[in-house]
Amino acid sequence: MSIQISSSIPLMVEKKLTEMVKPPKHIPSHTLSLSTLDNDPYNEVIYKLCYVFKGRNVVDDDNQPEYLVKEALSVLLGYYYPLSGTLKRRETDRRIQLSCGSDGGGVAFTVATADAELHTLKYLENIDSDTALKFLPELQVDKDGYPPFALQVIEKINIRAESIRKLKETTLKECDFSNETVTTFE
């Protein structure tokens, strides 16, 4: 059993955008039945998984991680379209069914930013659950059912030396500190 470590670093995760990613082609509306094992109420559990990858420094905007993951997810849904459906129990016999192909379907894809780098959180290894949950998407579970899959991509807020210089110059112009010396650490 692993010991959970509480993060002493205050962590802010801001969810910027959630959109529905759909399969690249139209899926006709239909319902899939699930197995007897899947219909056991004790097996109806929502699992939340968090995978951590070290990102590459890429300058080109077309190669940003959220763009690449979103495009790959759309292609994947062409082959595994049930992931974009909705799970719901039937009223008559309480068996779970998966509704696929409705226009309102898709996979909830959230883009968020964090104010800490993963290495400062030891790549989430043995992190406490409250901190880990900030890195996971929120699922909407209601009487209309719930999605079998949701995805969240977190990008780090990068503050670079150039940004600090621009902020310093703007502040000096606006506040007229022309007679004072301002020291910054870059």
Protein backbone atom coordinates (compact mmCIF):
# COMPACT_ATOMS: atom_id res chain seq x y z
CA MET A 1 0.00 0.00 0.00
CA SER A 2 1.40 3.38 -0.96
CA ILE A 3 1.47 6.32 1.42
CA GLN A 4 -0.27 9.44 0.19
CA ILE A 5 1.75 12.61 0.41
CA SER A 6 -0.04 15.88 0.96
CA SER A 7 1.15 18.62 -1.32
CA SER A 8 2.56 21.57 0.62
CA ILE A 9 2.41 23.66 -2.55
CA PRO A 10 -0.90 25.51 -3.07
CA LEU A 11 -2.21 24.45 -6.45
CA MET A 12 -4.59 26.35 -8.69
CA VAL A 13 -6.14 24.56 -11.66
CA GLU A 14 -8.34 26.73 -13.86
CA LYS A 15 -10.63 24.99 -16.32
CA LYS A 16 -10.64 27.21 -19.42
CA LEU A 17 -12.79 25.37 -21.90
CA THR A 18 -15.01 22.28 -22.11
CA GLU A 19 -16.34 21.19 -25.45
CA MET A 20 -17.83 18.04 -26.87
CA VAL A 21 -15.53 16.16 -29.26
CA LYS A 22 -17.55 14.11 -31.74
CA PRO A 23 -16.66 11.31 -34.14
CA PRO A 24 -15.54 12.58 -37.58
CA LYS A 25 -18.50 10.95 -39.30
CA HIS A 26 -22.23 10.76 -38.49
CA ILE A 27 -23.19 7.78 -36.30
CA PRO A 28 -26.80 6.57 -36.71
CA SER A 29 -28.78 6.69 -33.48
CA HIS A 30 -29.01 3.29 -31.77
CA THR A 31 -28.85 1.63 -28.35
CA LEU A 32 -26.44 -1.06 -27.23
CA SER A 33 -27.23 -3.49 -24.41
CA LEU A 34 -24.56 -4.34 -21.89
CA SER A 35 -23.68 -7.72 -20.39
CA THR A 36 -25.18 -9.24 -17.25
CA LEU A 37 -21.93 -8.53 -15.41
CA ASP A 38 -22.06 -4.87 -16.48
CA ASN A 39 -25.63 -4.61 -15.18
CA ASP A 40 -24.76 -5.64 -11.62
CA PRO A 41 -25.46 -2.48 -9.55
CA TYR A 42 -22.34 -3.17 -7.48
CA ASN A 43 -20.22 -2.88 -10.61
CA GLU A 44 -21.62 0.51 -11.61
CA VAL A 45 -18.66 2.53 -10.44
CA ILE A 46 -17.08 5.60 -11.96
CA TYR A 47 -13.31 5.23 -12.15
CA LYS A 48 -11.13 8.28 -12.46
CA LEU A 49 -7.69 7.77 -13.92
CA CYS A 50 -4.93 10.30 -14.24
CA TYR A 51 -2.07 9.73 -16.68
CA VAL A 52 0.91 12.05 -16.49
CA PHE A 53 3.24 12.71 -19.40
CA LYS A 54 6.21 15.00 -19.58
CA GLY A 55 5.57 17.48 -22.38
CA ARG A 56 7.97 18.63 -25.06
CA ASN A 57 8.75 22.29 -25.62
CA VAL A 58 7.07 23.03 -28.93
CA VAL A 59 6.93 26.52 -30.44
CA ASP A 60 4.42 25.93 -33.27
CA ASP A 61 0.81 26.58 -32.14
CA ASP A 62 -0.52 23.76 -34.35
CA ASN A 63 1.40 21.25 -32.23
CA GLN A 64 0.05 22.24 -28.82
CA PRO A 65 -0.90 19.21 -26.70
CA GLU A 66 -4.57 20.08 -26.36
CA TYR A 67 -4.94 20.43 -30.14
CA LEU A 68 -3.17 17.13 -30.86
CA VAL A 69 -5.10 15.21 -28.20
CA LYS A 70 -8.44 16.65 -29.37
CA GLU A 71 -7.78 15.73 -33.01
CA ALA A 72 -6.59 12.23 -32.05
CA LEU A 73 -9.68 11.76 -29.86
CA SER A 74 -11.98 12.68 -32.74
CA VAL A 75 -10.29 10.12 -35.03
CA LEU A 76 -10.43 7.48 -32.28
CA LEU A 77 -14.17 8.07 -31.83
CA GLY A 78 -14.69 7.13 -35.49
CA TYR A 79 -13.65 3.58 -34.56
CA TYR A 80 -14.80 3.48 -30.92
CA TYR A 81 -17.95 5.60 -31.19
CA PRO A 82 -19.65 4.08 -28.10
CA LEU A 83 -17.24 6.15 -25.98
CA SER A 84 -19.16 9.21 -27.19
CA GLY A 85 -22.52 7.81 -26.09
CA THR A 86 -24.50 8.00 -22.86
CA LEU A 87 -24.95 5.31 -20.20
CA LYS A 88 -28.38 5.11 -18.61
CA ARG A 89 -30.53 2.57 -16.79
CA ARG A 90 -33.80 1.63 -18.48
CA GLU A 91 -36.93 2.46 -16.47
CA THR A 92 -38.56 -0.94 -17.08
CA ASP A 93 -35.91 -3.40 -15.87
CA ARG A 94 -33.10 -1.10 -14.58
CA ARG A 95 -30.58 -2.61 -17.02
CA ILE A 96 -27.83 -0.33 -18.31
CA GLN A 97 -27.90 0.64 -21.94
CA LEU A 98 -25.53 2.72 -24.03
CA SER A 99 -27.20 5.22 -26.35
CA CYS A 100 -25.01 6.07 -29.33
CA GLY A 101 -25.21 8.46 -32.24
CA SER A 102 -27.41 11.20 -30.84
CA ASP A 103 -26.48 14.70 -31.97
CA GLY A 104 -25.95 15.74 -28.36
CA GLY A 105 -23.30 13.05 -27.84
CA GLY A 106 -19.56 13.30 -27.76
CA VAL A 107 -16.74 13.18 -25.26
CA ALA A 108 -16.38 16.09 -22.85
CA PHE A 109 -12.93 17.55 -23.51
CA THR A 110 -11.66 20.08 -20.98
CA VAL A 111 -8.61 22.30 -21.33
CA ALA A 112 -7.21 23.65 -18.09
CA THR A 113 -4.13 25.45 -16.82
CA ALA A 114 -2.16 24.88 -13.64
CA ASP A 115 0.14 27.21 -11.78
CA ALA A 116 2.66 24.49 -10.95
CA GLU A 117 4.82 22.16 -12.98
CA LEU A 118 4.42 18.42 -12.57
CA HIS A 119 7.97 17.93 -11.34
CA THR A 120 7.17 20.17 -8.34
CA LEU A 121 4.37 17.70 -7.52
CA LYS A 122 6.64 14.69 -8.15
CA TYR A 123 4.56 13.84 -11.27
CA LEU A 124 1.59 13.16 -8.95
CA GLU A 125 3.27 10.09 -7.49
CA ASN A 126 1.67 9.29 -4.10
CA ILE A 127 -0.13 12.64 -4.10
CA ASP A 128 -3.20 13.11 -1.89
CA SER A 129 -6.57 12.57 -3.55
CA ASP A 130 -7.77 16.18 -3.13
CA THR A 131 -4.82 17.44 -5.18
CA ALA A 132 -5.10 14.62 -7.74
CA LEU A 133 -8.82 15.32 -8.31
CA LYS A 134 -7.94 18.82 -9.55
CA PHE A 135 -6.30 17.17 -12.57
CA LEU A 136 -9.45 15.23 -13.55
CA PRO A 137 -12.51 16.34 -15.52
CA GLU A 138 -15.86 16.76 -13.82
CA LEU A 139 -18.55 14.33 -14.97
CA GLN A 140 -22.19 15.33 -15.09
CA VAL A 141 -24.31 12.45 -13.72
CA ASP A 142 -28.06 13.02 -13.81
CA LYS A 143 -31.37 11.30 -14.67
CA ASP A 144 -30.50 11.52 -18.37
CA GLY A 145 -27.44 9.34 -17.85
CA TYR A 146 -23.73 9.95 -17.86
CA PRO A 147 -20.86 9.72 -20.32
CA PRO A 148 -18.65 6.61 -20.33
CA PHE A 149 -15.59 8.76 -21.00
CA ALA A 150 -14.31 12.30 -20.41
CA LEU A 151 -10.89 13.83 -20.93
CA GLN A 152 -8.98 16.80 -19.51
CA VAL A 153 -5.67 18.21 -20.73
CA ILE A 154 -3.71 20.50 -18.44
CA GLU A 155 -1.16 22.88 -19.79
CA LYS A 156 1.37 24.68 -17.62
CA ILE A 157 1.26 28.46 -17.44
CA ASN A 158 4.68 29.50 -18.66
CA ILE A 159 6.09 32.75 -17.38
CA ARG A 160 9.20 33.46 -19.41
CA ALA A 161 11.90 36.09 -18.96
CA GLU A 162 10.53 38.00 -21.97
CA SER A 163 7.09 38.21 -20.33
CA ILE A 164 8.66 39.48 -17.11
CA ARG A 165 10.59 42.16 -19.02
CA LYS A 166 7.44 43.35 -20.83
CA LEU A 167 5.52 43.46 -17.55
CA LYS A 168 8.34 45.46 -15.93
CA GLU A 169 8.49 47.95 -18.83
CA THR A 170 4.72 48.45 -18.83
CA THR A 171 4.64 48.95 -15.07
CA LEU A 172 7.48 51.48 -15.20
CA LYS A 173 5.72 53.49 -17.95
CA GLU A 174 2.34 53.51 -16.21
CA CYS A 175 3.64 54.31 -12.71
CA ASP A 176 6.39 56.75 -13.68
CA PHE A 177 9.20 55.20 -11.66
CA SER A 178 11.72 56.98 -13.87
CA ASN A 179 13.71 58.31 -10.90
CA GLU A 180 13.82 54.98 -9.07
CA THR A 181 15.78 51.82 -9.65
CA VAL A 182 13.74 48.63 -9.89
CA THR A 183 15.47 45.28 -9.49
CA THR A 184 13.94 42.11 -10.88
CA PHE A 185 15.27 38.58 -10.78
CA GLU A 186 15.01 36.84 -14.13
